[in-house]
């Protein structure tokens, strides 16, 4: 865990009923974003890591769909025109964030 951020000390009850101290580091959004970016770069450079095929396909489909002039809902409709694009971007972003978290945990960088 990085040394930057706000450190809070709290008491946590164990299964035996006793209390133990627990340290919680609260990091800002920009710090977490920076860590995710650096982990993503490490993930791409890691020769032993194989990027999931589903994520590759989803990213390619997203790029084709977003830049394609054909949409399920036309973009000129107010408010709902970009909803399908936004939903697909959010879905692929969610898949990517989960994959970065899994990579980070598997490499012991949690």
PDB file of N, CA and C in Angstrom:
ATOM      1  N   UNK A   1       0.854  -1.169   0.000  1.00  0.00           N
ATOM      2  CA  UNK A   1       0.000   0.000   0.000  1.00  0.00           C
ATOM      3  C   UNK A   1       0.904   1.237   0.000  1.00  0.00           C
ATOM      4  N   UNK A   2       0.564   2.222  -0.765  1.00  0.00           N
ATOM      5  CA  UNK A   2       1.429   3.394  -0.849  1.00  0.00           C
ATOM      6  C   UNK A   2       1.462   4.162   0.459  1.00  0.00           C
ATOM      7  N   UNK A   3       2.513   4.919   0.630  1.00  0.00           N
ATOM      8  CA  UNK A   3       2.684   5.674   1.860  1.00  0.00           C
ATOM      9  C   UNK A   3       2.007   7.033   1.815  1.00  0.00           C
ATOM     10  N   UNK A   4       1.447   7.382   0.687  1.00  0.00           N
ATOM     11  CA  UNK A   4       0.783   8.673   0.577  1.00  0.00           C
ATOM     12  C   UNK A   4      -0.676   8.539   0.928  1.00  0.00           C
ATOM     13  N   UNK A   5      -1.252   9.584   1.403  1.00  0.00           N
ATOM     14  CA  UNK A   5      -2.668   9.580   1.739  1.00  0.00           C
ATOM     15  C   UNK A   5      -2.881   9.896   3.204  1.00  0.00           C
ATOM     16  N   UNK A   6      -4.116   9.875   3.637  1.00  0.00           N
ATOM     17  CA  UNK A   6      -4.476  10.124   5.018  1.00  0.00           C
ATOM     18  C   UNK A   6      -4.508   8.801   5.748  1.00  0.00           C
ATOM     19  N   UNK A   7      -3.802   8.716   6.856  1.00  0.00           N
ATOM     20  CA  UNK A   7      -3.749   7.482   7.626  1.00  0.00           C
ATOM     21  C   UNK A   7      -4.703   7.590   8.802  1.00  0.00           C
ATOM     22  N   UNK A   8      -5.557   6.576   8.950  1.00  0.00           N
ATOM     23  CA  UNK A   8      -6.488   6.524  10.070  1.00  0.00           C
ATOM     24  C   UNK A   8      -6.226   5.241  10.840  1.00  0.00           C
ATOM     25  N   UNK A   9      -6.303   5.318  12.142  1.00  0.00           N
ATOM     26  CA  UNK A   9      -6.147   4.140  12.982  1.00  0.00           C
ATOM     27  C   UNK A   9      -7.486   3.835  13.617  1.00  0.00           C
ATOM     28  N   UNK A  10      -7.952   2.609  13.452  1.00  0.00           N
ATOM     29  CA  UNK A  10      -9.232   2.218  14.016  1.00  0.00           C
ATOM     30  C   UNK A  10      -9.054   0.910  14.772  1.00  0.00           C
ATOM     31  N   UNK A  11     -10.013   0.588  15.606  1.00  0.00           N
ATOM     32  CA  UNK A  11     -10.007  -0.683  16.316  1.00  0.00           C
ATOM     33  C   UNK A  11     -10.956  -1.635  15.612  1.00  0.00           C
ATOM     34  N   UNK A  12     -10.518  -2.873  15.483  1.00  0.00           N
ATOM     35  CA  UNK A  12     -11.302  -3.879  14.784  1.00  0.00           C
ATOM     36  C   UNK A  12     -11.469  -5.083  15.708  1.00  0.00           C
ATOM     37  N   UNK A  13     -12.684  -5.573  15.826  1.00  0.00           N
ATOM     38  CA  UNK A  13     -12.945  -6.710  16.695  1.00  0.00           C
ATOM     39  C   UNK A  13     -12.629  -8.009  15.955  1.00  0.00           C
ATOM     40  N   UNK A  14     -11.868  -8.893  16.592  1.00  0.00           N
ATOM     41  CA  UNK A  14     -11.512 -10.173  15.989  1.00  0.00           C
ATOM     42  C   UNK A  14     -12.564 -11.213  16.346  1.00  0.00           C
ATOM     43  N   UNK A  15     -12.404 -12.422  15.818  1.00  0.00           N
ATOM     44  CA  UNK A  15     -13.358 -13.500  16.082  1.00  0.00           C
ATOM     45  C   UNK A  15     -13.325 -13.929  17.544  1.00  0.00           C
ATOM     46  N   UNK A  16     -12.191 -13.773  18.204  1.00  0.00           N
ATOM     47  CA  UNK A  16     -12.079 -14.179  19.601  1.00  0.00           C
ATOM     48  C   UNK A  16     -12.674 -13.140  20.551  1.00  0.00           C
ATOM     49  N   UNK A  17     -13.091 -12.011  20.030  1.00  0.00           N
ATOM     50  CA  UNK A  17     -13.711 -10.985  20.853  1.00  0.00           C
ATOM     51  C   UNK A  17     -12.768  -9.874  21.262  1.00  0.00           C
ATOM     52  N   UNK A  18     -11.479 -10.041  21.016  1.00  0.00           N
ATOM     53  CA  UNK A  18     -10.526  -8.990  21.376  1.00  0.00           C
ATOM     54  C   UNK A  18     -10.480  -7.944  20.267  1.00  0.00           C
ATOM     55  N   UNK A  19      -9.861  -6.840  20.566  1.00  0.00           N
ATOM     56  CA  UNK A  19      -9.729  -5.756  19.597  1.00  0.00           C
ATOM     57  C   UNK A  19      -8.286  -5.657  19.139  1.00  0.00           C
ATOM     58  N   UNK A  20      -8.099  -5.301  17.898  1.00  0.00           N
ATOM     59  CA  UNK A  20      -6.753  -5.044  17.398  1.00  0.00           C
ATOM     60  C   UNK A  20      -6.787  -3.775  16.562  1.00  0.00           C
ATOM     61  N   UNK A  21      -5.644  -3.133  16.508  1.00  0.00           N
ATOM     62  CA  UNK A  21      -5.553  -1.876  15.758  1.00  0.00           C
ATOM     63  C   UNK A  21      -5.466  -2.185  14.272  1.00  0.00           C
ATOM     64  N   UNK A  22      -6.064  -1.338  13.481  1.00  0.00           N
ATOM     65  CA  UNK A  22      -6.036  -1.491  12.039  1.00  0.00           C
ATOM     66  C   UNK A  22      -5.716  -0.145  11.425  1.00  0.00           C
ATOM     67  N   UNK A  23      -4.839  -0.156  10.458  1.00  0.00           N
ATOM     68  CA  UNK A  23      -4.447   1.068   9.773  1.00  0.00           C
ATOM     69  C   UNK A  23      -5.174   1.136   8.439  1.00  0.00           C
ATOM     70  N   UNK A  24      -5.789   2.260   8.173  1.00  0.00           N
ATOM     71  CA  UNK A  24      -6.493   2.471   6.919  1.00  0.00           C
ATOM     72  C   UNK A  24      -5.862   3.678   6.235  1.00  0.00           C
ATOM     73  N   UNK A  25      -5.427   3.486   5.003  1.00  0.00           N
ATOM     74  CA  UNK A  25      -4.868   4.596   4.234  1.00  0.00           C
ATOM     75  C   UNK A  25      -5.923   5.051   3.246  1.00  0.00           C
ATOM     76  N   UNK A  26      -6.352   6.279   3.379  1.00  0.00           N
ATOM     77  CA  UNK A  26      -7.328   6.854   2.458  1.00  0.00           C
ATOM     78  C   UNK A  26      -6.552   7.602   1.380  1.00  0.00           C
ATOM     79  N   UNK A  27      -6.736   7.169   0.149  1.00  0.00           N
ATOM     80  CA  UNK A  27      -6.034   7.811  -0.950  1.00  0.00           C
ATOM     81  C   UNK A  27      -7.015   8.631  -1.770  1.00  0.00           C
ATOM     82  N   UNK A  28      -6.521   9.672  -2.360  1.00  0.00           N
ATOM     83  CA  UNK A  28      -7.375  10.525  -3.180  1.00  0.00           C
ATOM     84  C   UNK A  28      -7.655   9.840  -4.515  1.00  0.00           C
ATOM     85  N   UNK A  29      -8.631  10.352  -5.214  1.00  0.00           N
ATOM     86  CA  UNK A  29      -9.001   9.804  -6.516  1.00  0.00           C
ATOM     87  C   UNK A  29      -7.826   9.880  -7.485  1.00  0.00           C
ATOM     88  N   UNK A  30      -7.101  10.989  -7.479  1.00  0.00           N
ATOM     89  CA  UNK A  30      -5.980  11.137  -8.406  1.00  0.00           C
ATOM     90  C   UNK A  30      -4.853  10.163  -8.084  1.00  0.00           C
ATOM     91  N   UNK A  31      -4.633   9.871  -6.809  1.00  0.00           N
ATOM     92  CA  UNK A  31      -3.613   8.897  -6.442  1.00  0.00           C
ATOM     93  C   UNK A  31      -4.004   7.500  -6.919  1.00  0.00           C
ATOM     94  N   UNK A  32      -5.272   7.134  -6.737  1.00  0.00           N
ATOM     95  CA  UNK A  32      -5.743   5.824  -7.193  1.00  0.00           C
ATOM     96  C   UNK A  32      -5.702   5.734  -8.712  1.00  0.00           C
ATOM     97  N   UNK A  33      -6.036   6.816  -9.397  1.00  0.00           N
ATOM     98  CA  UNK A  33      -5.986   6.841 -10.852  1.00  0.00           C
ATOM     99  C   UNK A  33      -4.552   6.668 -11.341  1.00  0.00           C
ATOM    100  N   UNK A  34      -3.625   7.342 -10.692  1.00  0.00           N
ATOM    101  CA  UNK A  34      -2.214   7.229 -11.050  1.00  0.00           C
ATOM    102  C   UNK A  34      -1.704   5.810 -10.810  1.00  0.00           C
ATOM    103  N   UNK A  35      -2.075   5.202  -9.691  1.00  0.00           N
ATOM    104  CA  UNK A  35      -1.661   3.830  -9.404  1.00  0.00           C
ATOM    105  C   UNK A  35      -2.225   2.869 -10.446  1.00  0.00           C
ATOM    106  N   UNK A  36      -3.486   3.066 -10.817  1.00  0.00           N
ATOM    107  CA  UNK A  36      -4.105   2.208 -11.822  1.00  0.00           C
ATOM    108  C   UNK A  36      -3.416   2.336 -13.170  1.00  0.00           C
ATOM    109  N   UNK A  37      -3.057   3.553 -13.525  1.00  0.00           N
ATOM    110  CA  UNK A  37      -2.358   3.787 -14.789  1.00  0.00           C
ATOM    111  C   UNK A  37      -1.007   3.088 -14.795  1.00  0.00           C
ATOM    112  N   UNK A  38      -0.253   3.226 -13.706  1.00  0.00           N
ATOM    113  CA  UNK A  38       1.067   2.598 -13.647  1.00  0.00           C
ATOM    114  C   UNK A  38       0.953   1.072 -13.623  1.00  0.00           C
ATOM    115  N   UNK A  39      -0.062   0.552 -12.960  1.00  0.00           N
ATOM    116  CA  UNK A  39      -0.286  -0.892 -12.956  1.00  0.00           C
ATOM    117  C   UNK A  39      -0.663  -1.370 -14.353  1.00  0.00           C
ATOM    118  N   UNK A  40      -1.487  -0.594 -15.065  1.00  0.00           N
ATOM    119  CA  UNK A  40      -1.870  -0.938 -16.434  1.00  0.00           C
ATOM    120  C   UNK A  40      -0.652  -0.965 -17.347  1.00  0.00           C
ATOM    121  N   UNK A  41       0.228   0.010 -17.206  1.00  0.00           N
ATOM    122  CA  UNK A  41       1.448   0.023 -18.020  1.00  0.00           C
ATOM    123  C   UNK A  41       2.325  -1.172 -17.708  1.00  0.00           C
ATOM    124  N   UNK A  42       2.434  -1.516 -16.405  1.00  0.00           N
ATOM    125  CA  UNK A  42       3.220  -2.692 -16.028  1.00  0.00           C
ATOM    126  C   UNK A  42       2.580  -3.961 -16.583  1.00  0.00           C
ATOM    127  N   UNK A  43       1.261  -3.998 -16.591  1.00  0.00           N
ATOM    128  CA  UNK A  43       0.530  -5.147 -17.113  1.00  0.00           C
ATOM    129  C   UNK A  43       0.807  -5.319 -18.612  1.00  0.00           C
ATOM    130  N   UNK A  44       0.848  -4.232 -19.353  1.00  0.00           N
ATOM    131  CA  UNK A  44       1.100  -4.309 -20.787  1.00  0.00           C
ATOM    132  C   UNK A  44       2.544  -4.697 -21.097  1.00  0.00           C
ATOM    133  N   UNK A  45       3.481  -4.303 -20.231  1.00  0.00           N
ATOM    134  CA  UNK A  45       4.891  -4.624 -20.462  1.00  0.00           C
ATOM    135  C   UNK A  45       5.293  -6.003 -19.961  1.00  0.00           C
ATOM    136  N   UNK A  46       4.465  -6.619 -19.122  1.00  0.00           N
ATOM    137  CA  UNK A  46       4.780  -7.916 -18.533  1.00  0.00           C
ATOM    138  C   UNK A  46       4.677  -9.006 -19.602  1.00  0.00           C
ATOM    139  N   UNK A  47       5.792  -9.648 -19.910  1.00  0.00           N
ATOM    140  CA  UNK A  47       5.803 -10.669 -20.959  1.00  0.00           C
ATOM    141  C   UNK A  47       5.150 -11.977 -20.501  1.00  0.00           C
ATOM    142  N   UNK A  48       5.023 -12.187 -19.202  1.00  0.00           N
ATOM    143  CA  UNK A  48       4.399 -13.401 -18.679  1.00  0.00           C
ATOM    144  C   UNK A  48       2.887 -13.272 -18.541  1.00  0.00           C
ATOM    145  N   UNK A  49       2.368 -12.082 -18.737  1.00  0.00           N
ATOM    146  CA  UNK A  49       0.934 -11.841 -18.596  1.00  0.00           C
ATOM    147  C   UNK A  49       0.272 -11.866 -19.968  1.00  0.00           C
ATOM    148  N   UNK A  50      -0.834 -12.576 -20.052  1.00  0.00           N
ATOM    149  CA  UNK A  50      -1.586 -12.645 -21.303  1.00  0.00           C
ATOM    150  C   UNK A  50      -2.908 -11.923 -21.111  1.00  0.00           C
ATOM    151  N   UNK A  51      -3.086 -10.857 -21.873  1.00  0.00           N
ATOM    152  CA  UNK A  51      -4.305 -10.045 -21.806  1.00  0.00           C
ATOM    153  C   UNK A  51      -5.495 -10.911 -22.201  1.00  0.00           C
ATOM    154  N   UNK A  52      -6.605 -10.878 -21.456  1.00  0.00           N
ATOM    155  CA  UNK A  52      -7.763 -11.724 -21.776  1.00  0.00           C
ATOM    156  C   UNK A  52      -8.340 -11.415 -23.160  1.00  0.00           C
ATOM    157  N   UNK A  53      -8.662 -12.458 -23.871  1.00  0.00           N
ATOM    158  CA  UNK A  53      -9.199 -12.316 -25.220  1.00  0.00           C
ATOM    159  C   UNK A  53     -10.536 -11.584 -25.209  1.00  0.00           C
ATOM    160  N   UNK A  54     -11.359 -11.851 -24.197  1.00  0.00           N
ATOM    161  CA  UNK A  54     -12.668 -11.196 -24.115  1.00  0.00           C
ATOM    162  C   UNK A  54     -12.519  -9.682 -24.013  1.00  0.00           C
ATOM    163  N   UNK A  55     -11.522  -9.232 -23.263  1.00  0.00           N
ATOM    164  CA  UNK A  55     -11.298  -7.794 -23.118  1.00  0.00           C
ATOM    165  C   UNK A  55     -10.757  -7.187 -24.415  1.00  0.00           C
ATOM    166  N   UNK A  56      -9.925  -7.928 -25.118  1.00  0.00           N
ATOM    167  CA  UNK A  56      -9.435  -7.447 -26.415  1.00  0.00           C
ATOM    168  C   UNK A  56     -10.590  -7.290 -27.403  1.00  0.00           C
ATOM    169  N   UNK A  57     -11.448  -8.310 -27.453  1.00  0.00           N
ATOM    170  CA  UNK A  57     -12.577  -8.276 -28.380  1.00  0.00           C
ATOM    171  C   UNK A  57     -13.542  -7.158 -28.004  1.00  0.00           C
ATOM    172  N   UNK A  58     -13.821  -7.015 -26.707  1.00  0.00           N
ATOM    173  CA  UNK A  58     -14.739  -5.964 -26.251  1.00  0.00           C
ATOM    174  C   UNK A  58     -14.187  -4.582 -26.586  1.00  0.00           C
ATOM    175  N   UNK A  59     -12.891  -4.387 -26.434  1.00  0.00           N
ATOM    176  CA  UNK A  59     -12.281  -3.093 -26.761  1.00  0.00           C
ATOM    177  C   UNK A  59     -12.355  -2.806 -28.255  1.00  0.00           C
ATOM    178  N   UNK A  60     -12.113  -3.819 -29.065  1.00  0.00           N
ATOM    179  CA  UNK A  60     -12.181  -3.633 -30.517  1.00  0.00           C
ATOM    180  C   UNK A  60     -13.613  -3.337 -30.966  1.00  0.00           C
ATOM    181  N   UNK A  61     -14.573  -4.064 -30.416  1.00  0.00           N
ATOM    182  CA  UNK A  61     -15.975  -3.821 -30.765  1.00  0.00           C
ATOM    183  C   UNK A  61     -16.393  -2.427 -30.316  1.00  0.00           C
ATOM    184  N   UNK A  62     -15.954  -2.023 -29.138  1.00  0.00           N
ATOM    185  CA  UNK A  62     -16.273  -0.683 -28.642  1.00  0.00           C
ATOM    186  C   UNK A  62     -15.720   0.385 -29.572  1.00  0.00           C
ATOM    187  N   UNK A  63     -14.469   0.239 -29.987  1.00  0.00           N
ATOM    188  CA  UNK A  63     -13.869   1.232 -30.882  1.00  0.00           C
ATOM    189  C   UNK A  63     -14.623   1.303 -32.206  1.00  0.00           C
ATOM    190  N   UNK A  64     -14.970   0.159 -32.753  1.00  0.00           N
ATOM    191  CA  UNK A  64     -15.722   0.152 -34.008  1.00  0.00           C
ATOM    192  C   UNK A  64     -17.106   0.774 -33.833  1.00  0.00           C
ATOM    193  N   UNK A  65     -17.763   0.458 -32.729  1.00  0.00           N
ATOM    194  CA  UNK A  65     -19.119   0.957 -32.519  1.00  0.00           C
ATOM    195  C   UNK A  65     -19.144   2.464 -32.261  1.00  0.00           C
ATOM    196  N   UNK A  66     -18.218   2.946 -31.444  1.00  0.00           N
ATOM    197  CA  UNK A  66     -18.205   4.373 -31.097  1.00  0.00           C
ATOM    198  C   UNK A  66     -17.890   5.233 -32.313  1.00  0.00           C
ATOM    199  N   UNK A  67     -16.974   4.770 -33.160  1.00  0.00           N
ATOM    200  CA  UNK A  67     -16.593   5.575 -34.316  1.00  0.00           C
ATOM    201  C   UNK A  67     -17.417   5.266 -35.557  1.00  0.00           C
ATOM    202  N   UNK A  68     -18.314   4.305 -35.463  1.00  0.00           N
ATOM    203  CA  UNK A  68     -19.176   3.962 -36.589  1.00  0.00           C
ATOM    204  C   UNK A  68     -20.332   4.962 -36.683  1.00  0.00           C
ATOM    205  N   UNK A  69     -20.749   5.316 -37.890  1.00  0.00           N
ATOM    206  CA  UNK A  69     -21.891   6.228 -38.016  1.00  0.00           C
ATOM    207  C   UNK A  69     -23.231   5.537 -37.730  1.00  0.00           C
ATOM    208  N   UNK A  70     -23.227   4.208 -37.635  1.00  0.00           N
ATOM    209  CA  UNK A  70     -24.458   3.466 -37.369  1.00  0.00           C
ATOM    210  C   UNK A  70     -24.556   3.175 -35.875  1.00  0.00           C
ATOM    211  N   UNK A  71     -25.658   3.589 -35.249  1.00  0.00           N
ATOM    212  CA  UNK A  71     -25.894   3.370 -33.826  1.00  0.00           C
ATOM    213  C   UNK A  71     -27.244   2.710 -33.634  1.00  0.00           C
ATOM    214  N   UNK A  72     -27.402   2.061 -32.462  1.00  0.00           N
ATOM    215  CA  UNK A  72     -28.718   1.532 -32.105  1.00  0.00           C
ATOM    216  C   UNK A  72     -29.691   2.678 -31.868  1.00  0.00           C
ATOM    217  N   UNK A  73     -29.203   3.709 -31.186  1.00  0.00           N
ATOM    218  CA  UNK A  73     -29.995   4.916 -30.935  1.00  0.00           C
ATOM    219  C   UNK A  73     -29.244   6.069 -31.598  1.00  0.00           C
ATOM    220  N   UNK A  74     -29.845   6.778 -32.517  1.00  0.00           N
ATOM    221  CA  UNK A  74     -29.136   7.876 -33.202  1.00  0.00           C
ATOM    222  C   UNK A  74     -28.650   8.938 -32.217  1.00  0.00           C
ATOM    223  N   UNK A  75     -27.458   9.451 -32.478  1.00  0.00           N
ATOM    224  CA  UNK A  75     -26.839  10.416 -31.570  1.00  0.00           C
ATOM    225  C   UNK A  75     -27.522  11.781 -31.586  1.00  0.00           C
ATOM    226  N   UNK A  76     -28.320  12.077 -32.573  1.00  0.00           N
ATOM    227  CA  UNK A  76     -28.961  13.397 -32.612  1.00  0.00           C
ATOM    228  C   UNK A  76     -30.160  13.494 -31.661  1.00  0.00           C
ATOM    229  N   UNK A  77     -30.607  12.383 -31.084  1.00  0.00           N
ATOM    230  CA  UNK A  77     -31.703  12.438 -30.104  1.00  0.00           C
ATOM    231  C   UNK A  77     -31.165  12.972 -28.780  1.00  0.00           C
ATOM    232  N   UNK A  78     -31.830  13.955 -28.196  1.00  0.00           N
ATOM    233  CA  UNK A  78     -31.312  14.545 -26.960  1.00  0.00           C
ATOM    234  C   UNK A  78     -31.316  13.540 -25.810  1.00  0.00           C
ATOM    235  N   UNK A  79     -30.276  13.562 -25.022  1.00  0.00           N
ATOM    236  CA  UNK A  79     -30.084  12.781 -23.803  1.00  0.00           C
ATOM    237  C   UNK A  79     -29.921  11.282 -24.043  1.00  0.00           C
ATOM    238  N   UNK A  80     -30.736  10.665 -24.881  1.00  0.00           N
ATOM    239  CA  UNK A  80     -30.620   9.217 -25.049  1.00  0.00           C
ATOM    240  C   UNK A  80     -29.758   8.838 -26.238  1.00  0.00           C
ATOM    241  N   UNK A  81     -29.381   9.798 -27.026  1.00  0.00           N
ATOM    242  CA  UNK A  81     -28.584   9.519 -28.217  1.00  0.00           C
ATOM    243  C   UNK A  81     -27.204   8.978 -27.892  1.00  0.00           C
ATOM    244  N   UNK A  82     -26.618   9.482 -26.843  1.00  0.00           N
ATOM    245  CA  UNK A  82     -25.283   9.029 -26.456  1.00  0.00           C
ATOM    246  C   UNK A  82     -25.333   7.983 -25.348  1.00  0.00           C
ATOM    247  N   UNK A  83     -26.518   7.589 -24.921  1.00  0.00           N
ATOM    248  CA  UNK A  83     -26.652   6.638 -23.812  1.00  0.00           C
ATOM    249  C   UNK A  83     -26.088   5.268 -24.185  1.00  0.00           C
ATOM    250  N   UNK A  84     -26.309   4.809 -25.393  1.00  0.00           N
ATOM    251  CA  UNK A  84     -25.780   3.496 -25.774  1.00  0.00           C
ATOM    252  C   UNK A  84     -24.255   3.518 -25.851  1.00  0.00           C
ATOM    253  N   UNK A  85     -23.691   4.604 -26.372  1.00  0.00           N
ATOM    254  CA  UNK A  85     -22.231   4.736 -26.401  1.00  0.00           C
ATOM    255  C   UNK A  85     -21.661   4.764 -24.987  1.00  0.00           C
ATOM    256  N   UNK A  86     -22.289   5.534 -24.129  1.00  0.00           N
ATOM    257  CA  UNK A  86     -21.813   5.671 -22.755  1.00  0.00           C
ATOM    258  C   UNK A  86     -21.901   4.345 -22.006  1.00  0.00           C
ATOM    259  N   UNK A  87     -22.965   3.604 -22.222  1.00  0.00           N
ATOM    260  CA  UNK A  87     -23.118   2.314 -21.546  1.00  0.00           C
ATOM    261  C   UNK A  87     -22.039   1.327 -21.985  1.00  0.00           C
ATOM    262  N   UNK A  88     -21.731   1.306 -23.263  1.00  0.00           N
ATOM    263  CA  UNK A  88     -20.683   0.407 -23.744  1.00  0.00           C
ATOM    264  C   UNK A  88     -19.308   0.814 -23.232  1.00  0.00           C
ATOM    265  N   UNK A  89     -19.029   2.109 -23.212  1.00  0.00           N
ATOM    266  CA  UNK A  89     -17.751   2.595 -22.684  1.00  0.00           C
ATOM    267  C   UNK A  89     -17.623   2.235 -21.208  1.00  0.00           C
ATOM    268  N   UNK A  90     -18.697   2.432 -20.454  1.00  0.00           N
ATOM    269  CA  UNK A  90     -18.665   2.098 -19.022  1.00  0.00           C
ATOM    270  C   UNK A  90     -18.458   0.600 -18.813  1.00  0.00           C
ATOM    271  N   UNK A  91     -19.083  -0.225 -19.625  1.00  0.00           N
ATOM    272  CA  UNK A  91     -18.922  -1.671 -19.489  1.00  0.00           C
ATOM    273  C   UNK A  91     -17.498  -2.135 -19.756  1.00  0.00           C
ATOM    274  N   UNK A  92     -16.893  -1.633 -20.821  1.00  0.00           N
ATOM    275  CA  UNK A  92     -15.519  -2.017 -21.142  1.00  0.00           C
ATOM    276  C   UNK A  92     -14.557  -1.441 -20.098  1.00  0.00           C
ATOM    277  N   UNK A  93     -14.814  -0.228 -19.636  1.00  0.00           N
ATOM    278  CA  UNK A  93     -13.977   0.365 -18.595  1.00  0.00           C
ATOM    279  C   UNK A  93     -14.056  -0.465 -17.316  1.00  0.00           C
ATOM    280  N   UNK A  94     -15.255  -0.930 -16.961  1.00  0.00           N
ATOM    281  CA  UNK A  94     -15.434  -1.773 -15.772  1.00  0.00           C
ATOM    282  C   UNK A  94     -14.654  -3.076 -15.916  1.00  0.00           C
ATOM    283  N   UNK A  95     -14.701  -3.683 -17.108  1.00  0.00           N
ATOM    284  CA  UNK A  95     -13.935  -4.905 -17.343  1.00  0.00           C
ATOM    285  C   UNK A  95     -12.438  -4.645 -17.192  1.00  0.00           C
ATOM    286  N   UNK A  96     -11.976  -3.524 -17.701  1.00  0.00           N
ATOM    287  CA  UNK A  96     -10.560  -3.180 -17.625  1.00  0.00           C
ATOM    288  C   UNK A  96     -10.131  -2.919 -16.191  1.00  0.00           C
ATOM    289  N   UNK A  97     -10.937  -2.201 -15.437  1.00  0.00           N
ATOM    290  CA  UNK A  97     -10.604  -1.918 -14.035  1.00  0.00           C
ATOM    291  C   UNK A  97     -10.526  -3.223 -13.238  1.00  0.00           C
ATOM    292  N   UNK A  98     -11.456  -4.139 -13.480  1.00  0.00           N
ATOM    293  CA  UNK A  98     -11.409  -5.430 -12.792  1.00  0.00           C
ATOM    294  C   UNK A  98     -10.169  -6.226 -13.175  1.00  0.00           C
ATOM    295  N   UNK A  99      -9.788  -6.178 -14.419  1.00  0.00           N
ATOM    296  CA  UNK A  99      -8.594  -6.898 -14.857  1.00  0.00           C
ATOM    297  C   UNK A  99      -7.334  -6.288 -14.248  1.00  0.00           C
ATOM    298  N   UNK A 100      -7.272  -4.965 -14.141  1.00  0.00           N
ATOM    299  CA  UNK A 100      -6.126  -4.316 -13.494  1.00  0.00           C
ATOM    300  C   UNK A 100      -6.060  -4.714 -12.023  1.00  0.00           C
ATOM    301  N   UNK A 101      -7.214  -4.760 -11.352  1.00  0.00           N
ATOM    302  CA  UNK A 101      -7.234  -5.164  -9.940  1.00  0.00           C
ATOM    303  C   UNK A 101      -6.795  -6.616  -9.783  1.00  0.00           C
ATOM    304  N   UNK A 102      -7.258  -7.500 -10.663  1.00  0.00           N
ATOM    305  CA  UNK A 102      -6.838  -8.898 -10.603  1.00  0.00           C
ATOM    306  C   UNK A 102      -5.341  -9.045 -10.847  1.00  0.00           C
ATOM    307  N   UNK A 103      -4.814  -8.295 -11.803  1.00  0.00           N
ATOM    308  CA  UNK A 103      -3.371  -8.333 -12.079  1.00  0.00           C
ATOM    309  C   UNK A 103      -2.590  -7.838 -10.870  1.00  0.00           C
ATOM    310  N   UNK A 104      -3.063  -6.758 -10.275  1.00  0.00           N
ATOM    311  CA  UNK A 104      -2.379  -6.188  -9.126  1.00  0.00           C
ATOM    312  C   UNK A 104      -2.359  -7.177  -7.957  1.00  0.00           C
ATOM    313  N   UNK A 105      -3.473  -7.838  -7.706  1.00  0.00           N
ATOM    314  CA  UNK A 105      -3.529  -8.826  -6.629  1.00  0.00           C
ATOM    315  C   UNK A 105      -2.660 -10.033  -6.924  1.00  0.00           C
ATOM    316  N   UNK A 106      -2.647 -10.471  -8.175  1.00  0.00           N
ATOM    317  CA  UNK A 106      -1.846 -11.645  -8.509  1.00  0.00           C
ATOM    318  C   UNK A 106      -0.348 -11.363  -8.430  1.00  0.00           C
ATOM    319  N   UNK A 107       0.036 -10.139  -8.591  1.00  0.00           N
ATOM    320  CA  UNK A 107       1.440  -9.762  -8.509  1.00  0.00           C
ATOM    321  C   UNK A 107       1.846  -9.248  -7.131  1.00  0.00           C
ATOM    322  N   UNK A 108       0.907  -9.238  -6.205  1.00  0.00           N
ATOM    323  CA  UNK A 108       1.214  -8.810  -4.843  1.00  0.00           C
ATOM    324  C   UNK A 108       1.364  -7.329  -4.682  1.00  0.00           C
ATOM    325  N   UNK A 109       0.711  -6.550  -5.521  1.00  0.00           N
ATOM    326  CA  UNK A 109       0.834  -5.096  -5.456  1.00  0.00           C
ATOM    327  C   UNK A 109      -0.390  -4.460  -4.830  1.00  0.00           C
ATOM    328  N   UNK A 110      -1.205  -5.228  -4.162  1.00  0.00           N
ATOM    329  CA  UNK A 110      -2.428  -4.718  -3.568  1.00  0.00           C
ATOM    330  C   UNK A 110      -2.096  -3.812  -2.440  1.00  0.00           C
TER     331      UNK A 110
END
